[in-house]
Amino acid sequence: MRAASGPLVLLAALVGGLIVGERAAPVAATGFLVVGVSVGVVAIVVGMQRDQLRSALALGVVALVMVGTTSMQRARHGLVSSPLAEAVAGYEPATIVVTLTEDPGGPTRFAVDATGRVHGAHRSVLVVATGDAAGRTRVLSAGDQVTLVGSFRPLSGWERRARWRHAVGAFVATDLLDVAPPSSPLFAVANQLRGLVVAGTARAPATERALLAGLLLGDTRAIPSEMEEAFRSSGLTHHLAVSGENVAFVLVLAGPLLRRFGYRGRFLGGLVVIVVFGTMTRWEPSVLRAVTMTGCVMLAGLVGRPASGLRVLTIAAGGLLVADPFLIHSVGFGLSCAATAGIALFAEPISRRLRGPTLVGEALAVTLAAQIGVAPIMIPVFGSMPLASLPANVIAAPLMAPITIGGLVAGIGGGLVAPVAPGAARALVVPVTVLVRALEGAAVGCARIPFELGGVAAALAAAGGLGAAGGRLAWRRSRRNGPTAGWPGSSSVGSKGDGDGGAGAGSDGDLGTASPRR
């Protein structure tokens, strides 16, 4: 019980502190942050004594409430005490140099937006390019350094959501004077690989090409609206948000190379692989969580420590929320964490009670567990949950590994050979196109299922899931001689039923154990 519920209690304390900080005044609060960290250190020291675990937990709760509150206050203070505050409030014209932190996009071809870091000010703004600048900006990539002419203004309407990406205001760009390549070697390598994937899949039909960009890179800008709606109605949208499954499959792909090194070499090589892949996918919140969890698991494997799914999730999510408190406003981050927690809590017990083929049973168990996990977030935000997600995800589960691994191989390989052998590049992408069309068929077919879980029924389902979690934890506590971390027999994230903590790092240190998405 302590091993399982303790980290969840601490994570809840941190989230509670963030909520308190959201309602408190935005101040630097450096002193209180130091006090909170000091109390946390004391909690760790006390926790080293087995007979003082309750005291350590209590101190940890106090520490994380303080750290969460002060972290949020400091993040909000960074928005209001900005070097650009006067320029934004005064609508001042300027010529600025920004490093784009995301790929430009926009609802129309006449307006493009993207967040960017202003050189010299150490603050981010929402770049809104209009007119001729819009077309020239749209083809740029994250990491590019751009010289823009325009004027500052406050965020308005839907733009206010950019505050949670640390934008202190908007910059309306009317002209683009210069573009320089990324100064970061990491962005340079990631953009080169991303370009190869895009070039290698360019010979697929338009819809399949757009879906491959979403499935492999999380880039959904070119997916037709009707296809996006079909994925949403069938509960398959999470496949278009790159997450732990993709991270695991990338490590599987890199496995033959990584296994040539020793333990430390595998660890360092694995870190390089997941960081480059995270940069390729632009560090979306779900990717950020998955990469962080995978890094924790690999570190645990290196030092020979057990790594249960819930413990790794709480460490990764807690660390990310302290580093960037605004992640609490990201629905994608919340759904990703909730789905992973649901899988870790419920997938194995559900799977044991299902009868039938193992492959179907595991896919259904993971889907049911994930739906239980996301229900408390999904219902308030979207109003309902599609029941079509159960059959749709069972169909999609066996397709995702060959689509992801095959798509990356076909993309990078096709991108390399396309200039000299376009026919070979086209042949490489054909098998992946067939699989993507099968996934399309599952999305479109299951989207026609009219039933959705909403209102009181959804609330009861979520409450039942939480009650089952409590019962499961209580049962575990009653087993005096049972395992103290993770599920019985589980030693690492990535094991059966553990969710998408990325790749498992087992006792032999191997990397690249695939696990279900979410």
Protein backbone atom coordinates (compact mmCIF):
# COMPACT_ATOMS: atom_id res chain seq x y z
CA MET A 1 0.00 0.00 0.00
CA ARG A 2 2.70 2.44 0.99
CA ALA A 3 4.80 1.62 -2.06
CA ALA A 4 1.83 2.09 -4.37
CA SER A 5 -0.19 4.84 -2.73
CA GLY A 6 2.65 6.89 -1.26
CA PRO A 7 3.86 8.29 -4.60
CA LEU A 8 0.26 9.02 -5.64
CA VAL A 9 -0.35 10.93 -2.39
CA LEU A 10 2.81 12.95 -3.00
CA LEU A 11 1.82 13.69 -6.59
CA ALA A 12 -1.63 14.78 -5.41
CA ALA A 13 0.04 17.10 -2.88
CA LEU A 14 2.12 18.65 -5.65
CA VAL A 15 -0.93 19.17 -7.86
CA GLY A 16 -2.79 20.69 -4.91
CA GLY A 17 0.10 23.09 -4.37
CA LEU A 18 0.03 24.08 -8.05
CA ILE A 19 -3.69 24.84 -7.79
CA VAL A 20 -3.08 26.96 -4.70
CA GLY A 21 -0.27 28.79 -6.52
CA GLU A 22 -2.61 29.44 -9.44
CA ARG A 23 -4.95 31.34 -7.12
CA ALA A 24 -2.23 33.13 -5.15
CA ALA A 25 -0.41 36.28 -6.21
CA PRO A 26 2.32 35.87 -8.87
CA VAL A 27 5.56 36.48 -6.93
CA ALA A 28 9.14 35.23 -7.10
CA ALA A 29 8.74 33.37 -3.74
CA THR A 30 12.34 32.24 -3.76
CA GLY A 31 12.54 31.96 0.04
CA PHE A 32 9.47 29.74 0.31
CA LEU A 33 10.78 27.55 -2.50
CA VAL A 34 14.05 27.04 -0.62
CA VAL A 35 12.11 26.16 2.53
CA GLY A 36 9.98 23.65 0.60
CA VAL A 37 13.03 21.99 -0.93
CA SER A 38 14.67 21.85 2.52
CA VAL A 39 11.63 20.14 4.01
CA GLY A 40 11.73 17.69 1.12
CA VAL A 41 15.35 16.84 1.86
CA VAL A 42 14.43 16.24 5.51
CA ALA A 43 11.58 13.97 4.35
CA ILE A 44 14.02 11.90 2.27
CA VAL A 45 16.41 11.53 5.22
CA VAL A 46 13.57 10.53 7.57
CA GLY A 47 12.23 8.10 4.97
CA MET A 48 15.49 6.15 5.04
CA GLN A 49 14.39 4.80 8.41
CA ARG A 50 11.76 2.11 7.88
CA ASP A 51 9.90 2.89 11.10
CA GLN A 52 9.48 6.56 10.11
CA LEU A 53 7.71 6.16 6.77
CA ARG A 54 4.50 7.83 7.92
CA SER A 55 6.42 10.84 9.21
CA ALA A 56 8.40 11.00 5.98
CA LEU A 57 5.18 10.90 3.96
CA ALA A 58 3.68 13.72 6.01
CA LEU A 59 6.81 15.84 5.57
CA GLY A 60 6.83 15.03 1.87
CA VAL A 61 3.25 16.22 1.50
CA VAL A 62 4.07 19.52 3.20
CA ALA A 63 7.20 19.94 1.08
CA LEU A 64 5.44 19.28 -2.21
CA VAL A 65 2.53 21.56 -1.42
CA MET A 66 5.05 24.34 -0.78
CA VAL A 67 7.12 23.50 -3.85
CA GLY A 68 4.02 23.30 -6.06
CA THR A 69 2.64 26.60 -4.79
CA THR A 70 5.90 28.50 -5.16
CA SER A 71 6.72 26.94 -8.55
CA MET A 72 3.40 28.10 -9.97
CA GLN A 73 3.77 31.55 -8.44
CA ARG A 74 7.24 31.90 -9.94
CA ALA A 75 6.05 30.76 -13.37
CA ARG A 76 3.20 33.29 -13.34
CA HIS A 77 5.57 35.96 -12.07
CA GLY A 78 7.74 35.33 -15.14
CA LEU A 79 4.80 36.28 -17.35
CA VAL A 80 3.99 39.57 -15.65
CA SER A 81 7.55 40.75 -14.88
CA SER A 82 8.78 40.43 -18.43
CA PRO A 83 11.36 42.67 -20.16
CA LEU A 84 8.80 42.84 -22.98
CA ALA A 85 5.91 43.94 -20.75
CA GLU A 86 6.05 47.62 -21.76
CA ALA A 87 6.43 46.83 -25.46
CA VAL A 88 3.46 44.45 -25.35
CA ALA A 89 1.25 46.86 -23.43
CA GLY A 90 2.24 49.78 -25.69
CA TYR A 91 1.78 47.95 -29.03
CA GLU A 92 5.33 48.99 -29.90
CA PRO A 93 6.73 48.33 -33.39
CA ALA A 94 10.01 46.42 -33.50
CA THR A 95 12.39 44.25 -35.47
CA ILE A 96 13.16 41.11 -33.50
CA VAL A 97 15.04 37.84 -33.87
CA VAL A 98 13.21 34.78 -32.55
CA THR A 99 14.01 31.09 -32.38
CA LEU A 100 10.84 29.17 -33.22
CA THR A 101 9.94 26.65 -30.54
CA GLU A 102 7.25 24.90 -32.59
CA ASP A 103 6.39 24.34 -36.22
CA PRO A 104 4.27 27.19 -37.62
CA GLY A 105 0.63 26.44 -38.33
CA GLY A 106 -2.67 28.23 -38.56
CA PRO A 107 -6.33 27.97 -39.46
CA THR A 108 -5.96 29.73 -42.86
CA ARG A 109 -3.26 30.30 -45.44
CA PHE A 110 -3.40 34.04 -44.71
CA ALA A 111 -2.44 33.75 -41.02
CA VAL A 112 0.22 31.59 -39.39
CA ASP A 113 1.21 31.39 -35.74
CA ALA A 114 3.95 29.78 -33.68
CA THR A 115 5.64 30.44 -30.38
CA GLY A 116 9.21 31.71 -30.47
CA ARG A 117 11.91 32.75 -28.02
CA VAL A 118 12.96 36.41 -28.46
CA HIS A 119 16.72 36.83 -28.55
CA GLY A 120 18.02 39.11 -25.81
CA ALA A 121 14.74 39.18 -23.85
CA HIS A 122 14.75 35.52 -22.74
CA ARG A 123 10.98 35.42 -23.11
CA SER A 124 8.60 33.71 -25.54
CA VAL A 125 5.97 35.38 -27.70
CA LEU A 126 3.24 34.11 -29.98
CA VAL A 127 4.36 35.06 -33.49
CA VAL A 128 1.34 35.83 -35.68
CA ALA A 129 2.44 36.21 -39.31
CA THR A 130 0.08 37.84 -41.78
CA GLY A 131 0.16 38.77 -45.46
CA ASP A 132 3.28 37.80 -47.40
CA ALA A 133 5.05 36.89 -44.15
CA ALA A 134 2.48 34.14 -43.52
CA GLY A 135 3.41 32.10 -46.58
CA ARG A 136 7.13 32.43 -45.91
CA THR A 137 6.74 31.55 -42.25
CA ARG A 138 4.55 28.50 -42.83
CA VAL A 139 7.38 26.50 -44.41
CA LEU A 140 9.76 27.05 -41.47
CA SER A 141 10.50 24.55 -38.71
CA ALA A 142 11.04 24.61 -34.97
CA GLY A 143 14.59 25.68 -34.20
CA ASP A 144 14.88 28.11 -37.11
CA GLN A 145 16.08 31.62 -36.24
CA VAL A 146 13.92 34.25 -37.89
CA THR A 147 14.26 38.04 -38.18
CA LEU A 148 10.80 39.63 -38.21
CA VAL A 149 9.37 43.11 -38.61
CA GLY A 150 6.09 43.95 -36.89
CA SER A 151 4.66 45.08 -33.58
CA PHE A 152 3.91 43.71 -30.14
CA ARG A 153 0.43 43.48 -28.63
CA PRO A 154 -1.30 41.68 -25.76
CA LEU A 155 -2.71 38.19 -26.27
CA SER A 156 -6.44 38.17 -27.02
CA GLY A 157 -9.22 35.62 -27.40
CA TRP A 158 -8.01 32.10 -28.15
CA GLU A 159 -4.43 33.39 -28.15
CA ARG A 160 -4.51 33.52 -24.34
CA ARG A 161 -3.95 29.77 -24.34
CA ALA A 162 -0.39 30.55 -25.43
CA ARG A 163 0.29 31.79 -21.89
CA TRP A 164 0.56 28.16 -20.85
CA ARG A 165 3.37 27.87 -23.41
CA HIS A 166 5.03 30.81 -21.61
CA ALA A 167 4.14 33.45 -24.21
CA VAL A 168 4.16 36.93 -22.61
CA GLY A 169 2.40 38.55 -25.57
CA ALA A 170 1.88 38.43 -29.31
CA PHE A 171 4.11 39.76 -32.09
CA VAL A 172 2.28 40.51 -35.34
CA ALA A 173 4.85 39.99 -38.10
CA THR A 174 4.30 41.86 -41.35
CA ASP A 175 7.62 41.00 -42.96
CA LEU A 176 10.29 38.32 -42.71
CA LEU A 177 13.79 39.67 -43.28
CA ASP A 178 16.03 36.67 -42.71
CA VAL A 179 16.05 32.99 -41.78
CA ALA A 180 19.00 31.15 -40.24
CA PRO A 181 19.24 27.40 -39.57
CA PRO A 182 19.05 26.09 -36.00
CA SER A 183 22.04 26.95 -33.85
CA SER A 184 21.37 23.88 -31.71
CA PRO A 185 23.01 20.68 -33.04
CA LEU A 186 20.13 18.72 -31.50
CA PHE A 187 17.53 20.62 -33.53
CA ALA A 188 19.71 20.39 -36.65
CA VAL A 189 19.91 16.58 -36.41
CA ALA A 190 16.25 16.18 -35.44
CA ASN A 191 15.04 18.41 -38.27
CA GLN A 192 17.20 16.50 -40.75
CA LEU A 193 15.72 13.17 -39.65
CA ARG A 194 12.22 14.63 -39.60
CA GLY A 195 12.74 15.91 -43.15
CA LEU A 196 13.84 12.44 -44.27
CA VAL A 197 10.69 10.85 -42.82
CA VAL A 198 8.49 13.42 -44.55
CA ALA A 199 10.35 13.02 -47.85
CA GLY A 200 10.28 9.24 -47.66
CA THR A 201 6.51 9.13 -47.15
CA ALA A 202 5.78 11.86 -49.72
CA ARG A 203 4.85 9.28 -52.37
CA ALA A 204 1.95 7.89 -50.34
CA PRO A 205 -1.56 9.16 -51.18
CA ALA A 206 -2.47 12.50 -49.60
CA THR A 207 -4.64 11.23 -46.73
CA GLU A 208 -2.31 8.37 -45.84
CA ARG A 209 0.68 10.72 -46.06
CA ALA A 210 -0.98 13.15 -43.64
CA LEU A 211 -1.89 10.32 -41.25
CA LEU A 212 1.66 8.99 -41.33
CA ALA A 213 2.93 12.44 -40.34
CA GLY A 214 0.56 12.31 -37.37
CA LEU A 215 1.26 8.71 -36.41
CA LEU A 216 5.06 9.01 -36.69
CA LEU A 217 5.74 12.65 -35.81
CA GLY A 218 2.57 13.96 -34.15
CA ASP A 219 2.08 16.48 -36.99
CA THR A 220 -1.67 16.57 -37.65
CA ARG A 221 -1.78 19.83 -39.62
CA ALA A 222 -2.51 18.19 -42.99
CA ILE A 223 -5.05 15.57 -41.86
CA PRO A 224 -8.48 16.21 -43.42
CA SER A 225 -11.07 17.41 -40.91
CA GLU A 226 -13.42 14.49 -41.62
CA MET A 227 -10.65 11.99 -40.91
CA GLU A 228 -9.74 13.78 -37.67
CA GLU A 229 -13.39 13.56 -36.64
CA ALA A 230 -13.48 9.84 -37.46
CA PHE A 231 -10.43 9.23 -35.24
CA ARG A 232 -12.00 11.30 -32.46
CA SER A 233 -15.39 9.56 -32.64
CA SER A 234 -13.75 6.13 -32.62
CA GLY A 235 -11.46 6.94 -29.69
CA LEU A 236 -8.28 6.62 -31.77
CA THR A 237 -7.12 10.23 -31.55
CA HIS A 238 -4.40 9.29 -29.07
CA HIS A 239 -2.61 7.44 -31.88
CA LEU A 240 -2.11 10.80 -33.60
CA ALA A 241 -0.45 12.22 -30.47
CA VAL A 242 2.99 10.63 -30.30
CA SER A 243 3.42 8.95 -26.93
CA GLY A 244 5.02 6.07 -25.08
CA GLU A 245 4.29 3.45 -27.70
CA ASN A 246 6.25 5.42 -30.29
CA VAL A 247 9.16 5.87 -27.89
CA ALA A 248 9.19 2.12 -27.20
CA PHE A 249 9.11 1.22 -30.88
CA VAL A 250 11.94 3.65 -31.66
CA LEU A 251 14.05 1.92 -29.02
CA VAL A 252 13.12 -1.44 -30.54
CA LEU A 253 14.34 -0.10 -33.88
CA ALA A 254 17.59 1.09 -32.30
CA GLY A 255 17.94 -2.12 -30.24
CA PRO A 256 20.30 -4.03 -32.57
CA LEU A 257 22.76 -1.13 -32.44
CA LEU A 258 22.39 -0.44 -28.72
CA ARG A 259 22.99 -4.09 -27.82
CA ARG A 260 26.51 -3.81 -29.19
CA PHE A 261 27.46 -1.64 -26.20
CA GLY A 262 27.83 -2.34 -22.52
CA TYR A 263 25.31 -1.29 -19.87
CA ARG A 264 26.46 2.32 -19.72
CA GLY A 265 26.74 2.55 -23.48
CA ARG A 266 23.19 1.28 -23.88
CA PHE A 267 21.96 3.77 -21.32
CA LEU A 268 23.70 6.74 -22.93
CA GLY A 269 22.80 5.59 -26.44
CA GLY A 270 19.18 5.07 -25.42
CA LEU A 271 19.06 8.56 -23.95
CA VAL A 272 20.40 10.03 -27.19
CA VAL A 273 17.80 8.13 -29.21
CA ILE A 274 14.81 9.22 -27.12
CA VAL A 275 15.98 12.84 -26.83
CA VAL A 276 16.47 13.12 -30.60
CA PHE A 277 13.07 11.50 -31.17
CA GLY A 278 11.46 13.85 -28.64
CA THR A 279 12.91 16.80 -30.54
CA MET A 280 11.68 15.37 -33.84
CA THR A 281 8.15 15.26 -32.39
CA ARG A 282 8.49 18.78 -30.91
CA TRP A 283 8.22 17.70 -27.26
CA GLU A 284 4.46 17.51 -27.12
CA PRO A 285 3.28 16.98 -23.50
CA SER A 286 2.56 13.28 -24.03
CA VAL A 287 6.01 12.80 -25.58
CA LEU A 288 7.61 14.72 -22.73
CA ARG A 289 6.00 12.39 -20.20
CA ALA A 290 6.86 9.25 -22.16
CA VAL A 291 10.50 10.23 -22.72
CA THR A 292 10.94 11.20 -19.06
CA MET A 293 9.43 7.92 -17.86
CA THR A 294 11.59 5.96 -20.29
CA GLY A 295 14.69 7.76 -19.05
CA CYS A 296 13.76 6.90 -15.45
CA VAL A 297 13.26 3.25 -16.37
CA MET A 298 16.59 3.06 -18.19
CA LEU A 299 18.33 4.65 -15.21
CA ALA A 300 16.66 2.15 -12.87
CA GLY A 301 17.84 -0.69 -15.09
CA LEU A 302 21.38 0.69 -15.11
CA VAL A 303 21.62 0.82 -11.32
CA GLY A 304 19.67 -2.42 -10.83
CA ARG A 305 16.67 -0.92 -9.05
CA PRO A 306 13.03 -2.02 -9.49
CA ALA A 307 10.82 0.47 -11.31
CA SER A 308 7.08 -0.01 -10.89
CA GLY A 309 4.78 1.78 -13.31
CA LEU A 310 3.07 3.99 -10.73
CA ARG A 311 6.31 4.98 -9.04
CA VAL A 312 8.00 5.92 -12.32
CA LEU A 313 4.88 7.80 -13.43
CA THR A 314 4.71 9.87 -10.26
CA ILE A 315 8.43 10.66 -10.35
CA ALA A 316 8.31 11.67 -14.02
CA ALA A 317 5.05 13.64 -13.79
CA GLY A 318 6.08 15.31 -10.54
CA GLY A 319 9.47 16.35 -11.90
CA LEU A 320 7.92 17.74 -15.08
CA LEU A 321 5.26 19.70 -13.17
CA VAL A 322 7.90 21.28 -10.93
CA ALA A 323 10.02 22.17 -13.98
CA ASP A 324 7.02 23.54 -15.90
CA PRO A 325 3.96 24.16 -13.68
CA PHE A 326 1.92 25.26 -16.70
CA LEU A 327 1.72 21.61 -17.80
CA ILE A 328 -1.18 21.38 -15.36
CA HIS A 329 -3.20 23.26 -18.01
CA SER A 330 -2.33 20.77 -20.75
CA VAL A 331 -5.22 18.39 -21.41
CA GLY A 332 -2.88 16.17 -23.41
CA PHE A 333 -0.47 15.86 -20.49
CA GLY A 334 -3.31 15.09 -18.08
CA LEU A 335 -4.85 12.46 -20.35
CA SER A 336 -1.46 10.87 -20.99
CA CYS A 337 -0.69 10.58 -17.27
CA ALA A 338 -4.22 9.41 -16.41
CA ALA A 339 -4.22 6.75 -19.12
CA THR A 340 -0.84 5.46 -17.98
CA ALA A 341 -2.02 5.32 -14.37
CA GLY A 342 -5.18 3.50 -15.43
CA ILE A 343 -3.18 0.90 -17.34
CA ALA A 344 -0.78 0.40 -14.43
CA LEU A 345 -3.66 -0.06 -11.97
CA PHE A 346 -6.23 -2.02 -13.96
CA ALA A 347 -4.78 -3.66 -17.08
CA GLU A 348 -3.40 -6.78 -15.43
CA PRO A 349 -6.40 -7.61 -13.19
CA ILE A 350 -8.78 -7.00 -16.12
CA SER A 351 -6.65 -9.15 -18.42
CA ARG A 352 -6.69 -12.05 -15.93
CA ARG A 353 -10.48 -12.07 -15.90
CA LEU A 354 -10.97 -12.00 -19.66
CA ARG A 355 -11.38 -15.17 -21.66
CA GLY A 356 -10.33 -15.71 -25.24
CA PRO A 357 -7.22 -15.12 -27.37
CA THR A 358 -4.40 -13.53 -25.40
CA LEU A 359 -3.70 -10.83 -28.00
CA VAL A 360 -7.32 -9.68 -28.04
CA GLY A 361 -7.64 -9.93 -24.28
CA GLU A 362 -4.55 -7.84 -23.60
CA ALA A 363 -5.56 -5.17 -26.11
CA LEU A 364 -9.07 -4.99 -24.63
CA ALA A 365 -7.73 -4.91 -21.07
CA VAL A 366 -5.34 -2.06 -21.88
CA THR A 367 -8.10 -0.11 -23.61
CA LEU A 368 -10.56 -0.59 -20.74
CA ALA A 369 -7.94 0.33 -18.16
CA ALA A 370 -6.93 3.45 -20.06
CA GLN A 371 -10.57 4.53 -20.46
CA ILE A 372 -11.12 4.18 -16.71
CA GLY A 373 -8.04 6.30 -16.12
CA VAL A 374 -8.95 9.14 -18.47
CA ALA A 375 -12.66 9.28 -17.58
CA PRO A 376 -12.27 11.86 -14.74
CA ILE A 377 -10.55 14.24 -17.19
CA MET A 378 -12.23 13.38 -20.46
CA ILE A 379 -15.83 13.68 -19.29
CA PRO A 380 -15.58 17.24 -17.89
CA VAL A 381 -13.52 18.46 -20.86
CA PHE A 382 -15.24 16.74 -23.80
CA GLY A 383 -18.60 15.87 -22.27
CA SER A 384 -18.56 12.17 -23.16
CA MET A 385 -16.46 9.11 -23.98
CA PRO A 386 -17.02 7.07 -27.16
CA LEU A 387 -17.75 3.41 -26.48
CA ALA A 388 -16.48 2.79 -30.01
CA SER A 389 -12.98 3.11 -28.62
CA LEU A 390 -13.12 -0.46 -27.27
CA PRO A 391 -13.47 -2.32 -30.59
CA ALA A 392 -11.47 0.35 -32.44
CA ASN A 393 -8.43 0.03 -30.19
CA VAL A 394 -8.57 -3.76 -30.24
CA ILE A 395 -8.37 -3.57 -34.05
CA ALA A 396 -5.71 -0.84 -34.01
CA ALA A 397 -3.42 -2.48 -31.43
CA PRO A 398 -1.72 -5.02 -33.75
CA LEU A 399 -1.37 -2.40 -36.49
CA MET A 400 0.61 0.18 -34.55
CA ALA A 401 3.94 -1.66 -34.25
CA PRO A 402 4.33 -2.34 -37.99
CA ILE A 403 3.05 1.13 -38.88
CA THR A 404 5.45 2.90 -36.51
CA ILE A 405 8.55 0.78 -37.12
CA GLY A 406 7.82 0.25 -40.81
CA GLY A 407 6.91 3.89 -41.29
CA LEU A 408 10.16 5.14 -39.77
CA VAL A 409 12.22 2.66 -41.80
CA ALA A 410 10.33 3.49 -45.00
CA GLY A 411 10.47 7.20 -44.25
CA ILE A 412 14.16 7.51 -43.44
CA GLY A 413 15.20 4.87 -45.99
CA GLY A 414 12.94 6.32 -48.66
CA GLY A 415 14.16 9.82 -47.94
CA LEU A 416 17.75 8.70 -48.44
CA VAL A 417 17.18 6.79 -51.68
CA ALA A 418 14.49 9.03 -53.23
CA PRO A 419 16.97 11.34 -55.04
CA VAL A 420 18.62 8.43 -56.88
CA ALA A 421 15.90 5.75 -56.90
CA PRO A 422 12.39 7.22 -56.59
CA GLY A 423 10.84 3.88 -57.50
CA ALA A 424 12.51 2.20 -54.54
CA ALA A 425 11.27 4.95 -52.23
CA ARG A 426 7.74 4.42 -53.52
CA ALA A 427 7.99 0.65 -53.02
CA LEU A 428 9.16 1.08 -49.42
CA VAL A 429 6.08 3.06 -48.43
CA VAL A 430 3.49 0.78 -50.10
CA PRO A 431 3.21 -1.82 -47.26
CA VAL A 432 2.89 0.94 -44.66
CA THR A 433 0.21 2.63 -46.75
CA VAL A 434 -1.83 -0.59 -46.75
CA LEU A 435 -1.63 -0.76 -42.94
CA VAL A 436 -2.61 2.90 -42.56
CA ARG A 437 -5.64 2.30 -44.77
CA ALA A 438 -6.65 -0.57 -42.48
CA LEU A 439 -6.38 1.82 -39.53
CA GLU A 440 -8.48 4.35 -41.45
CA GLY A 441 -11.10 1.69 -42.01
CA ALA A 442 -11.21 0.89 -38.30
CA ALA A 443 -11.59 4.58 -37.44
CA VAL A 444 -14.31 5.26 -40.01
CA GLY A 445 -16.20 2.03 -39.30
CA CYS A 446 -16.14 2.32 -35.51
CA ALA A 447 -16.98 6.03 -35.66
CA ARG A 448 -20.43 4.98 -36.87
CA ILE A 449 -21.15 3.31 -33.54
CA PRO A 450 -23.54 5.86 -32.04
CA PHE A 451 -23.11 5.13 -28.33
CA GLU A 452 -21.14 7.37 -26.01
CA LEU A 453 -20.66 7.28 -22.27
CA GLY A 454 -21.55 10.62 -20.74
CA GLY A 455 -23.19 12.39 -17.86
CA VAL A 456 -24.12 10.34 -14.79
CA ALA A 457 -23.12 7.03 -16.36
CA ALA A 458 -19.60 8.26 -17.03
CA ALA A 459 -19.29 9.69 -13.54
CA LEU A 460 -20.40 6.36 -12.05
CA ALA A 461 -17.92 4.49 -14.24
CA ALA A 462 -15.09 6.78 -13.16
CA ALA A 463 -16.09 6.46 -9.50
CA GLY A 464 -16.26 2.68 -9.87
CA GLY A 465 -12.79 2.66 -11.39
CA LEU A 466 -11.38 4.74 -8.57
CA GLY A 467 -13.12 2.50 -6.03
CA ALA A 468 -11.63 -0.55 -7.68
CA ALA A 469 -8.21 1.08 -7.47
CA GLY A 470 -8.69 1.67 -3.76
CA GLY A 471 -9.77 -1.92 -3.27
CA ARG A 472 -6.79 -3.18 -5.22
CA LEU A 473 -4.38 -1.14 -3.09
CA ALA A 474 -6.05 -2.28 0.13
CA TRP A 475 -5.81 -5.89 -0.98
CA ARG A 476 -2.14 -5.47 -1.68
CA ARG A 477 -1.56 -4.01 1.75
CA SER A 478 -3.18 -7.04 3.36
CA ARG A 479 -0.61 -9.32 1.73
CA ARG A 480 2.24 -9.05 4.18
CA ASN A 481 4.58 -11.14 2.11
CA GLY A 482 3.61 -9.70 -1.25
CA PRO A 483 5.80 -7.53 -3.45
CA THR A 484 6.31 -3.97 -2.26
CA ALA A 485 6.57 -2.27 -5.62
CA GLY A 486 4.71 -2.67 -8.89
CA TRP A 487 2.61 -5.64 -9.88
CA PRO A 488 3.52 -9.16 -8.86
CA GLY A 489 6.53 -10.18 -10.88
CA SER A 490 7.00 -6.71 -12.32
CA SER A 491 10.43 -5.16 -12.16
CA SER A 492 10.29 -2.41 -14.73
CA VAL A 493 8.08 -0.13 -16.71
CA GLY A 494 7.29 -1.70 -20.03
CA SER A 495 6.26 -5.07 -18.62
CA LYS A 496 2.88 -6.59 -19.35
CA GLY A 497 0.00 -4.32 -18.43
CA ASP A 498 2.21 -1.48 -17.32
CA GLY A 499 1.24 1.12 -19.85
CA ASP A 500 3.44 3.25 -21.97
CA GLY A 501 6.29 3.98 -19.70
CA GLY A 502 8.31 3.60 -22.83
CA ALA A 503 10.81 0.83 -23.09
CA GLY A 504 11.58 -1.52 -20.29
CA ALA A 505 15.07 -1.80 -18.90
CA GLY A 506 15.13 -5.28 -17.47
CA SER A 507 17.57 -7.00 -15.22
CA ASP A 508 19.97 -7.57 -18.08
CA GLY A 509 19.92 -3.93 -19.07
CA ASP A 510 18.48 -4.48 -22.54
CA LEU A 511 16.55 -1.60 -24.04
CA GLY A 512 13.64 -1.72 -26.39
CA THR A 513 10.80 -3.67 -24.81
CA ALA A 514 7.66 -2.42 -26.51
CA SER A 515 4.53 -1.64 -24.51
CA PRO A 516 0.97 -0.57 -25.29
CA ARG A 517 0.26 3.01 -26.23
CA ARG A 518 -1.08 5.60 -23.76
